[in-house]
Amino acid sequence: MREERSARRYYVSGTVQGVGFRYFVNRIALGLDVAGYARNLADGRVEVYAAGSPAALAALRSELDRGPRGASVEGVTEETATIELGFDGTFSIEYDA
């Protein structure tokens, strides 16, 4: 039986662009079996859309708070999102918004 999936949208602020943050998120998400995407926003934040089990999303959130070496995460806000079927089973790095 497959565990229930839910979706969240995270907005990460700080020094998170130009430091490999999206690639860091991609690697973590793939390891957690989380689908979605990461993209840079024009205001300097990174947006992460993620769909997965509640436990996987909690683990991803913990990693977003930490970030990769070279990043300085000042804050992460999150909101509930709907599951987008186009990202079922895949995680990608999107072009800037």
PDB file of N, CA and C in Angstrom:
ATOM      1  N   MET A   1       0.829  -1.177   0.000  1.00  0.00           N
ATOM      2  CA  MET A   1       0.000   0.000   0.000  1.00  0.00           C
ATOM      3  C   MET A   1       0.880   1.249   0.000  1.00  0.00           C
ATOM      4  N   ARG A   2       0.555   2.199  -0.877  1.00  0.00           N
ATOM      5  CA  ARG A   2       1.335   3.413  -1.003  1.00  0.00           C
ATOM      6  C   ARG A   2       0.919   4.423   0.069  1.00  0.00           C
ATOM      7  N   GLU A   3       1.918   5.048   0.681  1.00  0.00           N
ATOM      8  CA  GLU A   3       1.649   6.034   1.721  1.00  0.00           C
ATOM      9  C   GLU A   3       0.970   7.266   1.116  1.00  0.00           C
ATOM     10  N   GLU A   4       0.104   7.884   1.875  1.00  0.00           N
ATOM     11  CA  GLU A   4      -0.596   9.088   1.426  1.00  0.00           C
ATOM     12  C   GLU A   4       0.399  10.178   1.039  1.00  0.00           C
ATOM     13  N   ARG A   5       0.095  10.887  -0.040  1.00  0.00           N
ATOM     14  CA  ARG A   5       0.957  11.964  -0.497  1.00  0.00           C
ATOM     15  C   ARG A   5       0.250  13.299  -0.321  1.00  0.00           C
ATOM     16  N   SER A   6       1.028  14.316  -0.025  1.00  0.00           N
ATOM     17  CA  SER A   6       0.506  15.670   0.050  1.00  0.00           C
ATOM     18  C   SER A   6       1.519  16.584  -0.625  1.00  0.00           C
ATOM     19  N   ALA A   7       1.154  17.847  -0.790  1.00  0.00           N
ATOM     20  CA  ALA A   7       2.042  18.786  -1.479  1.00  0.00           C
ATOM     21  C   ALA A   7       2.201  20.058  -0.657  1.00  0.00           C
ATOM     22  N   ARG A   8       3.378  20.636  -0.764  1.00  0.00           N
ATOM     23  CA  ARG A   8       3.703  21.886  -0.079  1.00  0.00           C
ATOM     24  C   ARG A   8       4.468  22.778  -1.038  1.00  0.00           C
ATOM     25  N   ARG A   9       4.359  24.077  -0.814  1.00  0.00           N
ATOM     26  CA  ARG A   9       5.149  25.051  -1.558  1.00  0.00           C
ATOM     27  C   ARG A   9       5.985  25.807  -0.520  1.00  0.00           C
ATOM     28  N   TYR A  10       7.292  25.837  -0.749  1.00  0.00           N
ATOM     29  CA  TYR A  10       8.228  26.483   0.171  1.00  0.00           C
ATOM     30  C   TYR A  10       8.867  27.674  -0.536  1.00  0.00           C
ATOM     31  N   TYR A  11       9.090  28.740   0.215  1.00  0.00           N
ATOM     32  CA  TYR A  11       9.792  29.915  -0.284  1.00  0.00           C
ATOM     33  C   TYR A  11      10.990  30.142   0.635  1.00  0.00           C
ATOM     34  N   VAL A  12      12.175  30.020   0.063  1.00  0.00           N
ATOM     35  CA  VAL A  12      13.406  30.084   0.844  1.00  0.00           C
ATOM     36  C   VAL A  12      14.088  31.417   0.568  1.00  0.00           C
ATOM     37  N   SER A  13      14.376  32.161   1.639  1.00  0.00           N
ATOM     38  CA  SER A  13      15.020  33.468   1.482  1.00  0.00           C
ATOM     39  C   SER A  13      16.398  33.460   2.117  1.00  0.00           C
ATOM     40  N   GLY A  14      17.204  34.425   1.711  1.00  0.00           N
ATOM     41  CA  GLY A  14      18.582  34.557   2.174  1.00  0.00           C
ATOM     42  C   GLY A  14      19.506  34.562   0.972  1.00  0.00           C
ATOM     43  N   THR A  15      20.721  34.111   1.173  1.00  0.00           N
ATOM     44  CA  THR A  15      21.655  33.957   0.062  1.00  0.00           C
ATOM     45  C   THR A  15      21.436  32.551  -0.487  1.00  0.00           C
ATOM     46  N   VAL A  16      20.492  32.444  -1.421  1.00  0.00           N
ATOM     47  CA  VAL A  16      20.086  31.129  -1.912  1.00  0.00           C
ATOM     48  C   VAL A  16      20.130  31.032  -3.445  1.00  0.00           C
ATOM     49  N   GLN A  17      20.551  32.094  -4.100  1.00  0.00           N
ATOM     50  CA  GLN A  17      20.714  32.043  -5.555  1.00  0.00           C
ATOM     51  C   GLN A  17      22.199  32.173  -5.877  1.00  0.00           C
ATOM     52  N   GLY A  18      22.633  31.419  -6.877  1.00  0.00           N
ATOM     53  CA  GLY A  18      24.036  31.452  -7.269  1.00  0.00           C
ATOM     54  C   GLY A  18      24.944  30.615  -6.388  1.00  0.00           C
ATOM     55  N   VAL A  19      24.358  29.763  -5.544  1.00  0.00           N
ATOM     56  CA  VAL A  19      25.144  28.942  -4.617  1.00  0.00           C
ATOM     57  C   VAL A  19      24.818  27.454  -4.758  1.00  0.00           C
ATOM     58  N   GLY A  20      24.112  27.086  -5.826  1.00  0.00           N
ATOM     59  CA  GLY A  20      23.769  25.680  -6.044  1.00  0.00           C
ATOM     60  C   GLY A  20      22.580  25.198  -5.237  1.00  0.00           C
ATOM     61  N   PHE A  21      21.748  26.118  -4.760  1.00  0.00           N
ATOM     62  CA  PHE A  21      20.636  25.725  -3.898  1.00  0.00           C
ATOM     63  C   PHE A  21      19.645  24.818  -4.621  1.00  0.00           C
ATOM     64  N   ARG A  22      19.289  25.148  -5.857  1.00  0.00           N
ATOM     65  CA  ARG A  22      18.317  24.323  -6.586  1.00  0.00           C
ATOM     66  C   ARG A  22      18.846  22.914  -6.818  1.00  0.00           C
ATOM     67  N   TYR A  23      20.135  22.784  -7.092  1.00  0.00           N
ATOM     68  CA  TYR A  23      20.737  21.460  -7.316  1.00  0.00           C
ATOM     69  C   TYR A  23      20.782  20.666  -6.018  1.00  0.00           C
ATOM     70  N   PHE A  24      21.034  21.357  -4.917  1.00  0.00           N
ATOM     71  CA  PHE A  24      20.985  20.748  -3.589  1.00  0.00           C
ATOM     72  C   PHE A  24      19.583  20.187  -3.312  1.00  0.00           C
ATOM     73  N   VAL A  25      18.557  21.003  -3.590  1.00  0.00           N
ATOM     74  CA  VAL A  25      17.177  20.573  -3.374  1.00  0.00           C
ATOM     75  C   VAL A  25      16.851  19.384  -4.266  1.00  0.00           C
ATOM     76  N   ASN A  26      17.276  19.429  -5.514  1.00  0.00           N
ATOM     77  CA  ASN A  26      17.024  18.330  -6.455  1.00  0.00           C
ATOM     78  C   ASN A  26      17.599  17.018  -5.915  1.00  0.00           C
ATOM     79  N   ARG A  27      18.827  17.045  -5.447  1.00  0.00           N
ATOM     80  CA  ARG A  27      19.474  15.840  -4.921  1.00  0.00           C
ATOM     81  C   ARG A  27      18.743  15.300  -3.696  1.00  0.00           C
ATOM     82  N   ILE A  28      18.391  16.187  -2.783  1.00  0.00           N
ATOM     83  CA  ILE A  28      17.687  15.777  -1.562  1.00  0.00           C
ATOM     84  C   ILE A  28      16.315  15.198  -1.914  1.00  0.00           C
ATOM     85  N   ALA A  29      15.580  15.887  -2.788  1.00  0.00           N
ATOM     86  CA  ALA A  29      14.230  15.450  -3.154  1.00  0.00           C
ATOM     87  C   ALA A  29      14.248  14.076  -3.814  1.00  0.00           C
ATOM     88  N   LEU A  30      15.190  13.854  -4.716  1.00  0.00           N
ATOM     89  CA  LEU A  30      15.270  12.551  -5.371  1.00  0.00           C
ATOM     90  C   LEU A  30      15.542  11.446  -4.360  1.00  0.00           C
ATOM     91  N   GLY A  31      16.389  11.713  -3.378  1.00  0.00           N
ATOM     92  CA  GLY A  31      16.689  10.729  -2.344  1.00  0.00           C
ATOM     93  C   GLY A  31      15.506  10.439  -1.430  1.00  0.00           C
ATOM     94  N   LEU A  32      14.592  11.402  -1.320  1.00  0.00           N
ATOM     95  CA  LEU A  32      13.425  11.245  -0.449  1.00  0.00           C
ATOM     96  C   LEU A  32      12.179  10.786  -1.209  1.00  0.00           C
ATOM     97  N   ASP A  33      12.297  10.570  -2.508  1.00  0.00           N
ATOM     98  CA  ASP A  33      11.156  10.211  -3.358  1.00  0.00           C
ATOM     99  C   ASP A  33      10.095  11.304  -3.339  1.00  0.00           C
ATOM    100  N   VAL A  34      10.559  12.553  -3.467  1.00  0.00           N
ATOM    101  CA  VAL A  34       9.684  13.713  -3.512  1.00  0.00           C
ATOM    102  C   VAL A  34       9.662  14.228  -4.945  1.00  0.00           C
ATOM    103  N   ALA A  35       8.479  14.503  -5.460  1.00  0.00           N
ATOM    104  CA  ALA A  35       8.323  15.059  -6.803  1.00  0.00           C
ATOM    105  C   ALA A  35       8.132  16.564  -6.706  1.00  0.00           C
ATOM    106  N   GLY A  36       8.421  17.275  -7.809  1.00  0.00           N
ATOM    107  CA  GLY A  36       8.196  18.713  -7.830  1.00  0.00           C
ATOM    108  C   GLY A  36       9.267  19.440  -8.590  1.00  0.00           C
ATOM    109  N   TYR A  37       9.570  20.659  -8.122  1.00  0.00           N
ATOM    110  CA  TYR A  37      10.590  21.471  -8.791  1.00  0.00           C
ATOM    111  C   TYR A  37      11.156  22.512  -7.841  1.00  0.00           C
ATOM    112  N   ALA A  38      12.280  23.081  -8.228  1.00  0.00           N
ATOM    113  CA  ALA A  38      12.882  24.222  -7.542  1.00  0.00           C
ATOM    114  C   ALA A  38      13.202  25.258  -8.607  1.00  0.00           C
ATOM    115  N   ARG A  39      12.916  26.520  -8.303  1.00  0.00           N
ATOM    116  CA  ARG A  39      13.240  27.588  -9.246  1.00  0.00           C
ATOM    117  C   ARG A  39      13.560  28.876  -8.508  1.00  0.00           C
ATOM    118  N   ASN A  40      14.408  29.696  -9.136  1.00  0.00           N
ATOM    119  CA  ASN A  40      14.738  31.007  -8.609  1.00  0.00           C
ATOM    120  C   ASN A  40      13.595  31.963  -8.891  1.00  0.00           C
ATOM    121  N   LEU A  41      13.337  32.860  -7.955  1.00  0.00           N
ATOM    122  CA  LEU A  41      12.350  33.910  -8.150  1.00  0.00           C
ATOM    123  C   LEU A  41      13.061  35.248  -8.342  1.00  0.00           C
ATOM    124  N   ALA A  42      12.407  36.170  -9.020  1.00  0.00           N
ATOM    125  CA  ALA A  42      13.014  37.471  -9.323  1.00  0.00           C
ATOM    126  C   ALA A  42      13.367  38.261  -8.069  1.00  0.00           C
ATOM    127  N   ASP A  43      12.702  37.987  -6.945  1.00  0.00           N
ATOM    128  CA  ASP A  43      12.968  38.730  -5.706  1.00  0.00           C
ATOM    129  C   ASP A  43      14.126  38.150  -4.888  1.00  0.00           C
ATOM    130  N   GLY A  44      14.835  37.153  -5.440  1.00  0.00           N
ATOM    131  CA  GLY A  44      16.004  36.589  -4.763  1.00  0.00           C
ATOM    132  C   GLY A  44      15.728  35.320  -3.974  1.00  0.00           C
ATOM    133  N   ARG A  45      14.467  34.941  -3.842  1.00  0.00           N
ATOM    134  CA  ARG A  45      14.132  33.712  -3.129  1.00  0.00           C
ATOM    135  C   ARG A  45      14.178  32.519  -4.079  1.00  0.00           C
ATOM    136  N   VAL A  46      14.129  31.316  -3.503  1.00  0.00           N
ATOM    137  CA  VAL A  46      13.962  30.092  -4.267  1.00  0.00           C
ATOM    138  C   VAL A  46      12.605  29.512  -3.887  1.00  0.00           C
ATOM    139  N   GLU A  47      11.820  29.143  -4.894  1.00  0.00           N
ATOM    140  CA  GLU A  47      10.537  28.492  -4.679  1.00  0.00           C
ATOM    141  C   GLU A  47      10.727  26.995  -4.874  1.00  0.00           C
ATOM    142  N   VAL A  48      10.198  26.202  -3.956  1.00  0.00           N
ATOM    143  CA  VAL A  48      10.250  24.749  -4.061  1.00  0.00           C
ATOM    144  C   VAL A  48       8.825  24.219  -3.963  1.00  0.00           C
ATOM    145  N   TYR A  49       8.380  23.545  -5.019  1.00  0.00           N
ATOM    146  CA  TYR A  49       7.102  22.836  -4.984  1.00  0.00           C
ATOM    147  C   TYR A  49       7.449  21.375  -4.758  1.00  0.00           C
ATOM    148  N   ALA A  50       6.826  20.750  -3.757  1.00  0.00           N
ATOM    149  CA  ALA A  50       7.173  19.371  -3.415  1.00  0.00           C
ATOM    150  C   ALA A  50       5.929  18.558  -3.092  1.00  0.00           C
ATOM    151  N   ALA A  51       5.886  17.336  -3.621  1.00  0.00           N
ATOM    152  CA  ALA A  51       4.795  16.408  -3.337  1.00  0.00           C
ATOM    153  C   ALA A  51       5.406  15.082  -2.896  1.00  0.00           C
ATOM    154  N   GLY A  52       4.933  14.575  -1.771  1.00  0.00           N
ATOM    155  CA  GLY A  52       5.462  13.318  -1.253  1.00  0.00           C
ATOM    156  C   GLY A  52       4.757  12.946   0.034  1.00  0.00           C
ATOM    157  N   SER A  53       5.285  11.965   0.703  1.00  0.00           N
ATOM    158  CA  SER A  53       4.710  11.543   1.980  1.00  0.00           C
ATOM    159  C   SER A  53       4.949  12.642   3.019  1.00  0.00           C
ATOM    160  N   PRO A  54       4.113  12.717   4.033  1.00  0.00           N
ATOM    161  CA  PRO A  54       4.331  13.709   5.090  1.00  0.00           C
ATOM    162  C   PRO A  54       5.733  13.615   5.714  1.00  0.00           C
ATOM    163  N   ALA A  55       6.223  12.402   5.904  1.00  0.00           N
ATOM    164  CA  ALA A  55       7.559  12.230   6.496  1.00  0.00           C
ATOM    165  C   ALA A  55       8.644  12.761   5.560  1.00  0.00           C
ATOM    166  N   ALA A  56       8.500  12.504   4.263  1.00  0.00           N
ATOM    167  CA  ALA A  56       9.484  12.984   3.294  1.00  0.00           C
ATOM    168  C   ALA A  56       9.461  14.503   3.203  1.00  0.00           C
ATOM    169  N   LEU A  57       8.266  15.095   3.248  1.00  0.00           N
ATOM    170  CA  LEU A  57       8.171  16.554   3.194  1.00  0.00           C
ATOM    171  C   LEU A  57       8.774  17.195   4.442  1.00  0.00           C
ATOM    172  N   ALA A  58       8.599  16.563   5.588  1.00  0.00           N
ATOM    173  CA  ALA A  58       9.206  17.070   6.821  1.00  0.00           C
ATOM    174  C   ALA A  58      10.732  17.008   6.732  1.00  0.00           C
ATOM    175  N   ALA A  59      11.261  15.923   6.175  1.00  0.00           N
ATOM    176  CA  ALA A  59      12.709  15.793   6.015  1.00  0.00           C
ATOM    177  C   ALA A  59      13.233  16.823   5.018  1.00  0.00           C
ATOM    178  N   LEU A  60      12.488  17.048   3.936  1.00  0.00           N
ATOM    179  CA  LEU A  60      12.893  18.058   2.955  1.00  0.00           C
ATOM    180  C   LEU A  60      12.911  19.433   3.602  1.00  0.00           C
ATOM    181  N   ARG A  61      11.892  19.755   4.371  1.00  0.00           N
ATOM    182  CA  ARG A  61      11.827  21.061   5.036  1.00  0.00           C
ATOM    183  C   ARG A  61      13.040  21.266   5.933  1.00  0.00           C
ATOM    184  N   SER A  62      13.433  20.244   6.649  1.00  0.00           N
ATOM    185  CA  SER A  62      14.605  20.332   7.516  1.00  0.00           C
ATOM    186  C   SER A  62      15.861  20.657   6.707  1.00  0.00           C
ATOM    187  N   GLU A  63      15.989  20.034   5.541  1.00  0.00           N
ATOM    188  CA  GLU A  63      17.145  20.295   4.672  1.00  0.00           C
ATOM    189  C   GLU A  63      17.086  21.694   4.077  1.00  0.00           C
ATOM    190  N   LEU A  64      15.890  22.185   3.760  1.00  0.00           N
ATOM    191  CA  LEU A  64      15.751  23.549   3.235  1.00  0.00           C
ATOM    192  C   LEU A  64      16.199  24.568   4.270  1.00  0.00           C
ATOM    193  N   ASP A  65      15.894  24.311   5.525  1.00  0.00           N
ATOM    194  CA  ASP A  65      16.327  25.207   6.604  1.00  0.00           C
ATOM    195  C   ASP A  65      17.849  25.279   6.691  1.00  0.00           C
ATOM    196  N   ARG A  66      18.509  24.191   6.365  1.00  0.00           N
ATOM    197  CA  ARG A  66      19.973  24.105   6.454  1.00  0.00           C
ATOM    198  C   ARG A  66      20.623  24.653   5.198  1.00  0.00           C
ATOM    199  N   GLY A  67      20.177  24.185   4.028  1.00  0.00           N
ATOM    200  CA  GLY A  67      20.758  24.612   2.756  1.00  0.00           C
ATOM    201  C   GLY A  67      22.127  24.013   2.503  1.00  0.00           C
ATOM    202  N   PRO A  68      22.664  24.212   1.299  1.00  0.00           N
ATOM    203  CA  PRO A  68      23.985  23.689   0.958  1.00  0.00           C
ATOM    204  C   PRO A  68      25.093  24.604   1.485  1.00  0.00           C
ATOM    205  N   ARG A  69      26.307  24.109   1.434  1.00  0.00           N
ATOM    206  CA  ARG A  69      27.467  24.927   1.781  1.00  0.00           C
ATOM    207  C   ARG A  69      27.483  26.134   0.843  1.00  0.00           C
ATOM    208  N   GLY A  70      27.719  27.300   1.361  1.00  0.00           N
ATOM    209  CA  GLY A  70      27.740  28.514   0.555  1.00  0.00           C
ATOM    210  C   GLY A  70      26.440  29.293   0.606  1.00  0.00           C
ATOM    211  N   ALA A  71      25.367  28.642   1.025  1.00  0.00           N
ATOM    212  CA  ALA A  71      24.087  29.326   1.162  1.00  0.00           C
ATOM    213  C   ALA A  71      23.942  29.844   2.588  1.00  0.00           C
ATOM    214  N   SER A  72      23.126  30.857   2.723  1.00  0.00           N
ATOM    215  CA  SER A  72      22.787  31.379   4.044  1.00  0.00           C
ATOM    216  C   SER A  72      21.269  31.548   4.076  1.00  0.00           C
ATOM    217  N   VAL A  73      20.599  30.566   4.656  1.00  0.00           N
ATOM    218  CA  VAL A  73      19.133  30.579   4.689  1.00  0.00           C
ATOM    219  C   VAL A  73      18.681  31.475   5.829  1.00  0.00           C
ATOM    220  N   GLU A  74      17.907  32.503   5.482  1.00  0.00           N
ATOM    221  CA  GLU A  74      17.370  33.407   6.496  1.00  0.00           C
ATOM    222  C   GLU A  74      15.984  32.987   6.949  1.00  0.00           C
ATOM    223  N   GLY A  75      15.254  32.294   6.071  1.00  0.00           N
ATOM    224  CA  GLY A  75      13.924  31.850   6.450  1.00  0.00           C
ATOM    225  C   GLY A  75      13.296  30.975   5.386  1.00  0.00           C
ATOM    226  N   VAL A  76      12.363  30.153   5.824  1.00  0.00           N
ATOM    227  CA  VAL A  76      11.591  29.303   4.918  1.00  0.00           C
ATOM    228  C   VAL A  76      10.126  29.456   5.304  1.00  0.00           C
ATOM    229  N   THR A  77       9.314  29.883   4.354  1.00  0.00           N
ATOM    230  CA  THR A  77       7.880  29.912   4.585  1.00  0.00           C
ATOM    231  C   THR A  77       7.276  28.785   3.772  1.00  0.00           C
ATOM    232  N   GLU A  78       6.161  28.266   4.239  1.00  0.00           N
ATOM    233  CA  GLU A  78       5.536  27.155   3.516  1.00  0.00           C
ATOM    234  C   GLU A  78       4.033  27.312   3.510  1.00  0.00           C
ATOM    235  N   GLU A  79       3.432  26.718   2.497  1.00  0.00           N
ATOM    236  CA  GLU A  79       1.979  26.724   2.386  1.00  0.00           C
ATOM    237  C   GLU A  79       1.533  25.414   1.763  1.00  0.00           C
ATOM    238  N   THR A  80       0.300  25.051   2.041  1.00  0.00           N
ATOM    239  CA  THR A  80      -0.280  23.856   1.444  1.00  0.00           C
ATOM    240  C   THR A  80      -0.459  24.088  -0.042  1.00  0.00           C
ATOM    241  N   ALA A  81      -0.237  23.059  -0.842  1.00  0.00           N
ATOM    242  CA  ALA A  81      -0.409  23.140  -2.295  1.00  0.00           C
ATOM    243  C   ALA A  81      -1.212  21.943  -2.768  1.00  0.00           C
ATOM    244  N   THR A  82      -1.763  22.053  -3.954  1.00  0.00           N
ATOM    245  CA  THR A  82      -2.463  20.918  -4.550  1.00  0.00           C
ATOM    246  C   THR A  82      -1.442  20.050  -5.270  1.00  0.00           C
ATOM    247  N   ILE A  83      -1.726  18.777  -5.368  1.00  0.00           N
ATOM    248  CA  ILE A  83      -0.824  17.862  -6.067  1.00  0.00           C
ATOM    249  C   ILE A  83      -0.972  18.083  -7.565  1.00  0.00           C
ATOM    250  N   GLU A  84       0.122  18.470  -8.206  1.00  0.00           N
ATOM    251  CA  GLU A  84       0.141  18.711  -9.646  1.00  0.00           C
ATOM    252  C   GLU A  84       0.583  17.425 -10.336  1.00  0.00           C
ATOM    253  N   LEU A  85      -0.282  16.862 -11.141  1.00  0.00           N
ATOM    254  CA  LEU A  85      -0.004  15.565 -11.758  1.00  0.00           C
ATOM    255  C   LEU A  85       1.213  15.598 -12.680  1.00  0.00           C
ATOM    256  N   GLY A  86       1.531  16.723 -13.253  1.00  0.00           N
ATOM    257  CA  GLY A  86       2.678  16.817 -14.148  1.00  0.00           C
ATOM    258  C   GLY A  86       4.008  16.532 -13.477  1.00  0.00           C
ATOM    259  N   PHE A  87       4.037  16.586 -12.160  1.00  0.00           N
ATOM    260  CA  PHE A  87       5.282  16.350 -11.429  1.00  0.00           C
ATOM    261  C   PHE A  87       5.253  15.043 -10.653  1.00  0.00           C
ATOM    262  N   ASP A  88       4.307  14.181 -10.942  1.00  0.00           N
ATOM    263  CA  ASP A  88       4.196  12.918 -10.230  1.00  0.00           C
ATOM    264  C   ASP A  88       5.406  12.037 -10.530  1.00  0.00           C
ATOM    265  N   GLY A  89       6.229  11.825  -9.532  1.00  0.00           N
ATOM    266  CA  GLY A  89       7.375  10.928  -9.674  1.00  0.00           C
ATOM    267  C   GLY A  89       8.648  11.569 -10.184  1.00  0.00           C
ATOM    268  N   THR A  90       8.633  12.874 -10.489  1.00  0.00           N
ATOM    269  CA  THR A  90       9.833  13.528 -10.985  1.00  0.00           C
ATOM    270  C   THR A  90      10.118  14.788 -10.185  1.00  0.00           C
ATOM    271  N   PHE A  91      11.378  15.179 -10.144  1.00  0.00           N
ATOM    272  CA  PHE A  91      11.762  16.456  -9.548  1.00  0.00           C
ATOM    273  C   PHE A  91      12.677  17.138 -10.544  1.00  0.00           C
ATOM    274  N   SER A  92      12.464  18.420 -10.759  1.00  0.00           N
ATOM    275  CA  SER A  92      13.254  19.124 -11.766  1.00  0.00           C
ATOM    276  C   SER A  92      13.700  20.491 -11.276  1.00  0.00           C
ATOM    277  N   ILE A  93      14.679  21.014 -11.965  1.00  0.00           N
ATOM    278  CA  ILE A  93      15.141  22.373 -11.752  1.00  0.00           C
ATOM    279  C   ILE A  93      14.521  23.199 -12.874  1.00  0.00           C
ATOM    280  N   GLU A  94      13.719  24.175 -12.498  1.00  0.00           N
ATOM    281  CA  GLU A  94      12.986  24.981 -13.474  1.00  0.00           C
ATOM    282  C   GLU A  94      13.749  26.271 -13.770  1.00  0.00           C
ATOM    283  N   TYR A  95      13.421  26.851 -14.908  1.00  0.00           N
ATOM    284  CA  TYR A  95      13.969  28.169 -15.241  1.00  0.00           C
ATOM    285  C   TYR A  95      13.431  29.206 -14.280  1.00  0.00           C
ATOM    286  N   ASP A  96      14.144  30.287 -14.159  1.00  0.00           N
ATOM    287  CA  ASP A  96      13.752  31.369 -13.240  1.00  0.00           C
ATOM    288  C   ASP A  96      12.361  31.882 -13.569  1.00  0.00           C
ATOM    289  N   ALA A  97      11.645  32.260 -12.533  1.00  0.00           N
ATOM    290  CA  ALA A  97      10.286  32.818 -12.714  1.00  0.00           C
ATOM    291  C   ALA A  97      10.371  34.302 -12.978  1.00  0.00           C
TER     292      ALA A  97
END
